[in-house]
C-alpha atoms as a PDB file:
ATOM      1  CA  UNK A   1      -6.610 -11.312 -10.958  1.00  0.00           C
ATOM      2  CA  UNK A   2      -5.304  -7.946  -9.840  1.00  0.00           C
ATOM      3  CA  UNK A   3      -1.853  -6.408  -9.980  1.00  0.00           C
ATOM      4  CA  UNK A   4      -0.937  -5.234  -6.480  1.00  0.00           C
ATOM      5  CA  UNK A   5       1.948  -2.903  -5.699  1.00  0.00           C
ATOM      6  CA  UNK A   6       3.474  -3.378  -2.253  1.00  0.00           C
ATOM      7  CA  UNK A   7       5.790  -0.644  -0.968  1.00  0.00           C
ATOM      8  CA  UNK A   8       7.646  -1.445   2.247  1.00  0.00           C
ATOM      9  CA  UNK A   9      11.280  -0.976   3.241  1.00  0.00           C
ATOM     10  CA  UNK A  10      11.404  -4.299   5.124  1.00  0.00           C
ATOM     11  CA  UNK A  11      12.269  -7.335   3.029  1.00  0.00           C
ATOM     12  CA  UNK A  12      10.677  -9.607   5.657  1.00  0.00           C
ATOM     13  CA  UNK A  13       7.414  -7.642   5.502  1.00  0.00           C
ATOM     14  CA  UNK A  14       7.444  -7.725   1.691  1.00  0.00           C
ATOM     15  CA  UNK A  15       7.795 -11.501   1.805  1.00  0.00           C
ATOM     16  CA  UNK A  16       4.864 -11.826   4.226  1.00  0.00           C
ATOM     17  CA  UNK A  17       2.660  -9.605   2.060  1.00  0.00           C
ATOM     18  CA  UNK A  18       3.706 -11.454  -1.062  1.00  0.00           C
ATOM     19  CA  UNK A  19       3.044 -14.901   0.395  1.00  0.00           C
ATOM     20  CA  UNK A  20      -0.354 -13.817   1.719  1.00  0.00           C
ATOM     21  CA  UNK A  21      -1.517 -12.282  -1.540  1.00  0.00           C
ATOM     22  CA  UNK A  22       0.031 -14.625  -4.090  1.00  0.00           C
ATOM     23  CA  UNK A  23      -1.887 -17.505  -2.557  1.00  0.00           C
ATOM     24  CA  UNK A  24      -5.030 -15.838  -3.912  1.00  0.00           C
ATOM     25  CA  UNK A  25      -3.633 -15.562  -7.432  1.00  0.00           C
ATOM     26  CA  UNK A  26      -2.802 -11.850  -7.542  1.00  0.00           C
ATOM     27  CA  UNK A  27       0.255 -10.546  -9.375  1.00  0.00           C
ATOM     28  CA  UNK A  28       2.561  -8.837  -6.897  1.00  0.00           C
ATOM     29  CA  UNK A  29       5.020  -6.027  -7.624  1.00  0.00           C
ATOM     30  CA  UNK A  30       7.288  -4.880  -4.791  1.00  0.00           C
ATOM     31  CA  UNK A  31       9.359  -1.776  -4.136  1.00  0.00           C
ATOM     32  CA  UNK A  32      11.310  -0.664  -1.082  1.00  0.00           C
ATOM     33  CA  UNK A  33      10.923   3.126  -1.038  1.00  0.00           C
ATOM     34  CA  UNK A  34       8.368   5.824  -1.709  1.00  0.00           C
ATOM     35  CA  UNK A  35       9.938   7.222  -4.863  1.00  0.00           C
ATOM     36  CA  UNK A  36      10.060   3.760  -6.424  1.00  0.00           C
ATOM     37  CA  UNK A  37       6.375   3.303  -5.565  1.00  0.00           C
ATOM     38  CA  UNK A  38       5.440   6.489  -7.403  1.00  0.00           C
ATOM     39  CA  UNK A  39       7.581   5.514 -10.405  1.00  0.00           C
ATOM     40  CA  UNK A  40       5.993   2.051 -10.559  1.00  0.00           C
ATOM     41  CA  UNK A  41       2.456   3.495 -10.514  1.00  0.00           C
ATOM     42  CA  UNK A  42       3.369   5.729 -13.446  1.00  0.00           C
ATOM     43  CA  UNK A  43       5.132   3.005 -15.436  1.00  0.00           C
ATOM     44  CA  UNK A  44       2.641   0.121 -15.343  1.00  0.00           C
ATOM     45  CA  UNK A  45      -1.039  -0.482 -14.599  1.00  0.00           C
ATOM     46  CA  UNK A  46      -1.604  -1.085 -10.878  1.00  0.00           C
ATOM     47  CA  UNK A  47      -4.969  -2.156  -9.425  1.00  0.00           C
ATOM     48  CA  UNK A  48      -4.240  -1.651  -5.724  1.00  0.00           C
ATOM     49  CA  UNK A  49      -1.410  -0.299  -3.561  1.00  0.00           C
ATOM     50  CA  UNK A  50      -0.325  -1.540  -0.149  1.00  0.00           C
ATOM     51  CA  UNK A  51       1.799   1.156   1.391  1.00  0.00           C
ATOM     52  CA  UNK A  52       3.983   1.368   4.487  1.00  0.00           C
ATOM     53  CA  UNK A  53       4.287   4.783   6.106  1.00  0.00           C
ATOM     54  CA  UNK A  54       7.912   4.719   7.226  1.00  0.00           C
ATOM     55  CA  UNK A  55      10.076   4.356   4.103  1.00  0.00           C
ATOM     56  CA  UNK A  56      13.189   5.990   2.671  1.00  0.00           C
ATOM     57  CA  UNK A  57      13.128   8.814   0.120  1.00  0.00           C
ATOM     58  CA  UNK A  58       9.375   9.525   0.519  1.00  0.00           C
ATOM     59  CA  UNK A  59       7.142   8.341   3.312  1.00  0.00           C
ATOM     60  CA  UNK A  60       3.803   6.640   2.721  1.00  0.00           C
ATOM     61  CA  UNK A  61       1.791   9.748   3.593  1.00  0.00           C
ATOM     62  CA  UNK A  62       3.635  11.705   0.867  1.00  0.00           C
ATOM     63  CA  UNK A  63       3.216   8.917  -1.691  1.00  0.00           C
ATOM     64  CA  UNK A  64      -0.479   8.566  -0.900  1.00  0.00           C
ATOM     65  CA  UNK A  65      -1.060  12.311  -1.232  1.00  0.00           C
ATOM     66  CA  UNK A  66       0.825  12.432  -4.562  1.00  0.00           C
ATOM     67  CA  UNK A  67      -1.090   9.516  -6.069  1.00  0.00           C
ATOM     68  CA  UNK A  68      -4.496  10.634  -4.834  1.00  0.00           C
ATOM     69  CA  UNK A  69      -3.966  14.189  -6.093  1.00  0.00           C
ATOM     70  CA  UNK A  70      -3.257  12.991  -9.654  1.00  0.00           C
ATOM     71  CA  UNK A  71      -6.427  12.567 -11.735  1.00  0.00           C
ATOM     72  CA  UNK A  72      -4.830   9.715 -13.678  1.00  0.00           C
ATOM     73  CA  UNK A  73      -4.143   7.594 -10.557  1.00  0.00           C
ATOM     74  CA  UNK A  74      -6.512   8.858  -7.851  1.00  0.00           C
ATOM     75  CA  UNK A  75      -8.904   5.930  -8.227  1.00  0.00           C
ATOM     76  CA  UNK A  76      -6.274   3.318  -7.342  1.00  0.00           C
ATOM     77  CA  UNK A  77      -7.205   2.052  -3.867  1.00  0.00           C
ATOM     78  CA  UNK A  78      -4.483   2.458  -1.236  1.00  0.00           C
ATOM     79  CA  UNK A  79      -4.260   0.312   1.878  1.00  0.00           C
ATOM     80  CA  UNK A  80      -1.755   1.632   4.390  1.00  0.00           C
ATOM     81  CA  UNK A  81      -0.237  -1.088   6.567  1.00  0.00           C
ATOM     82  CA  UNK A  82       2.161   0.318   9.136  1.00  0.00           C
ATOM     83  CA  UNK A  83       3.469   0.069  12.668  1.00  0.00           C
ATOM     84  CA  UNK A  84       2.308   3.659  13.256  1.00  0.00           C
ATOM     85  CA  UNK A  85      -0.721   2.837  15.367  1.00  0.00           C
ATOM     86  CA  UNK A  86      -1.747   6.108  16.983  1.00  0.00           C
ATOM     87  CA  UNK A  87      -5.156   7.557  16.157  1.00  0.00           C
ATOM     88  CA  UNK A  88      -3.403  10.648  14.790  1.00  0.00           C
ATOM     89  CA  UNK A  89      -1.436   8.452  12.357  1.00  0.00           C
ATOM     90  CA  UNK A  90      -4.636   6.834  11.107  1.00  0.00           C
ATOM     91  CA  UNK A  91      -6.227  10.287  10.826  1.00  0.00           C
ATOM     92  CA  UNK A  92      -3.347  11.563   8.672  1.00  0.00           C
ATOM     93  CA  UNK A  93      -3.305   8.435   6.546  1.00  0.00           C
ATOM     94  CA  UNK A  94      -6.984   8.776   5.765  1.00  0.00           C
ATOM     95  CA  UNK A  95      -6.602  12.543   5.297  1.00  0.00           C
ATOM     96  CA  UNK A  96      -3.948  11.892   2.605  1.00  0.00           C
ATOM     97  CA  UNK A  97      -6.432   9.662   0.767  1.00  0.00           C
ATOM     98  CA  UNK A  98      -5.839   6.142   2.061  1.00  0.00           C
ATOM     99  CA  UNK A  99      -8.829   3.861   1.585  1.00  0.00           C
ATOM    100  CA  UNK A 100      -7.869   1.562   4.495  1.00  0.00           C
ATOM    101  CA  UNK A 101      -5.415   1.776   7.393  1.00  0.00           C
ATOM    102  CA  UNK A 102      -4.164  -1.429   9.046  1.00  0.00           C
ATOM    103  CA  UNK A 103      -1.501  -1.692  11.710  1.00  0.00           C
ATOM    104  CA  UNK A 104       1.412  -4.121  11.972  1.00  0.00           C
ATOM    105  CA  UNK A 105       1.645  -6.817  12.936  1.00  0.00           C
ATOM    106  CA  UNK A 106      -1.369  -7.468  10.761  1.00  0.00           C
ATOM    107  CA  UNK A 107      -3.633 -10.465  10.633  1.00  0.00           C
ATOM    108  CA  UNK A 108      -3.412 -11.947   7.109  1.00  0.00           C
ATOM    109  CA  UNK A 109      -7.193 -12.444   7.091  1.00  0.00           C
ATOM    110  CA  UNK A 110      -7.715  -8.718   7.765  1.00  0.00           C
ATOM    111  CA  UNK A 111      -5.426  -7.871   4.872  1.00  0.00           C
ATOM    112  CA  UNK A 112      -7.234 -10.259   2.540  1.00  0.00           C
ATOM    113  CA  UNK A 113     -10.622  -8.804   3.563  1.00  0.00           C
ATOM    114  CA  UNK A 114      -9.358  -5.280   2.891  1.00  0.00           C
ATOM    115  CA  UNK A 115      -7.978  -6.266  -0.504  1.00  0.00           C
ATOM    116  CA  UNK A 116     -11.250  -8.005  -1.458  1.00  0.00           C
ATOM    117  CA  UNK A 117     -13.167  -4.784  -0.793  1.00  0.00           C
ATOM    118  CA  UNK A 118     -11.311  -3.039  -3.610  1.00  0.00           C
ATOM    119  CA  UNK A 119     -10.551  -5.701  -6.218  1.00  0.00           C
END
């Protein structure tokens, strides 16, 4: 099974993500800010990243851009899941390198389908 990094500043959201994904057997690693997400990617092998946009220290757009611009990590799929639901937000998320962009509240089945596409 895959190791999935979830970066979200809401403990409740982290728990929902974790419960949804652990039921499929994936190993889940969680962090609550953008800098911690970048550090985690550099410190252990990660197969997929689920990334909120609005987080302390570094937002999800910045984290996505940093990861996707690094040759060592650019192939890690990133699914942005955020409450930012404007078309311009989705545009910027995809422009920074996100592979998928889902909005909150999300349907767990949609999340699972997105994850299955990449792992």
